[in-house]
Protein backbone atom coordinates (compact mmCIF):
# COMPACT_ATOMS: atom_id res chain seq x y z
CA MET A 1 0.00 0.00 0.00
CA VAL A 2 2.78 2.41 0.89
CA ASP A 3 4.77 1.39 -2.20
CA ARG A 4 1.76 2.16 -4.35
CA ASN A 5 1.40 5.54 -2.67
CA LEU A 6 5.04 6.33 -3.49
CA ALA A 7 4.61 5.20 -7.10
CA ARG A 8 1.77 7.66 -7.56
CA LYS A 9 3.87 10.63 -6.48
CA ALA A 10 5.48 12.71 -9.21
CA ARG A 11 9.21 12.14 -9.50
CA GLY A 12 11.23 15.03 -8.26
CA GLU A 13 12.04 16.85 -5.06
CA GLY A 14 8.54 17.31 -3.66
CA ALA A 15 7.89 17.15 0.05
CA ASN A 16 5.06 14.62 -0.34
CA ARG A 17 7.31 12.27 -2.34
CA ALA A 18 10.05 12.59 0.27
CA LYS A 19 7.56 11.80 3.01
CA ALA A 20 6.34 8.73 1.10
CA ARG A 21 9.94 7.58 0.54
CA ARG A 22 10.65 7.84 4.27
CA LYS A 23 7.58 5.71 5.04
CA VAL A 24 8.67 3.03 2.58
CA ALA A 25 12.23 3.11 3.92
CA ARG A 26 10.97 2.74 7.50
CA ILE A 27 8.88 -0.31 6.57
CA TYR A 28 11.75 -2.00 4.72
CA ALA A 29 14.09 -1.24 7.62
CA ARG A 30 11.69 -2.98 10.00
CA ILE A 31 11.56 -6.02 7.72
CA THR A 32 15.36 -6.14 7.59
CA ASP A 33 15.62 -5.77 11.37
CA ARG A 34 13.20 -8.62 11.92
CA GLY A 35 15.23 -10.88 9.64
CA ARG A 36 18.45 -10.04 11.44
CA ASP A 37 16.80 -10.55 14.81
CA HIS A 38 15.46 -13.91 13.65
CA LEU A 39 19.05 -15.01 12.91
CA HIS A 40 20.66 -13.30 15.90
CA LYS A 41 18.54 -14.87 18.64
CA PRO A 42 19.24 -18.57 17.92
CA THR A 43 22.94 -17.99 17.22
CA THR A 44 23.38 -16.05 20.45
CA ARG A 45 21.55 -18.79 22.35
CA LEU A 46 23.81 -21.47 20.81
CA VAL A 47 26.96 -19.57 21.75
CA ARG A 48 25.80 -18.93 25.32
CA GLU A 49 24.69 -22.51 25.95
CA ASN A 50 27.75 -24.25 24.48
CA GLN A 51 31.41 -23.86 25.32
CA THR A 52 32.57 -24.99 21.88
CA LEU A 53 30.76 -24.29 18.65
CA VAL A 54 32.15 -25.89 15.50
CA ILE A 55 30.96 -24.80 12.08
CA GLU A 56 32.08 -26.97 9.18
CA ASP A 57 32.88 -25.25 5.89
CA LEU A 58 31.38 -27.53 3.24
CA THR A 59 31.63 -27.29 -0.53
CA VAL A 60 27.96 -27.28 -1.42
CA ARG A 61 28.69 -27.78 -5.12
CA ASN A 62 30.29 -31.17 -4.42
CA MET A 63 27.52 -32.15 -1.99
CA VAL A 64 24.84 -31.53 -4.58
CA LYS A 65 26.64 -33.80 -7.06
CA THR A 66 26.37 -36.69 -4.62
CA ARG A 67 23.32 -38.00 -2.80
CA VAL A 68 24.39 -36.32 0.43
CA GLY A 69 23.18 -32.88 -0.63
CA GLY A 70 20.56 -33.66 -3.21
CA ALA A 71 17.73 -31.17 -3.43
CA GLY A 72 18.14 -30.12 0.19
CA ALA A 73 21.34 -28.14 -0.29
CA PRO A 74 22.03 -25.81 2.66
CA CYS A 75 21.35 -22.51 0.93
CA GLY A 76 20.81 -20.37 4.00
CA THR A 77 23.82 -21.30 6.11
CA VAL A 78 26.04 -18.28 5.42
CA PRO A 79 23.72 -15.74 7.07
CA PHE A 80 23.50 -18.12 10.04
CA THR A 81 27.25 -18.55 10.52
CA ARG A 82 28.14 -14.83 10.43
CA PRO A 83 26.17 -13.88 13.57
CA ALA A 84 27.45 -16.98 15.35
CA GLY A 85 31.03 -15.95 14.65
CA GLY A 86 30.35 -12.43 15.87
CA ALA A 87 28.61 -13.59 19.02
CA ALA A 88 31.41 -16.01 19.87
CA GLY A 89 34.15 -13.43 19.52
CA PRO A 90 37.75 -14.13 18.47
């Protein structure tokens, strides 16, 4: 709804367009924050509950060739490992 409102505004430097852009930006920022929070909470919990956390670096391309990976290749593991590394510290 807010995107549609922005699309209707004339392109340029108008105050109403700027206001609509800020509303859209605020909504997308909330969506991004929720996604980050969704990843941050479980990784922080894993680091706090365990003394040692081992993350294996797998070559997904080779896993998909064999039956190990198949159709269920771990596509979303990189965003999960970054917060875990940050929460664990050096």
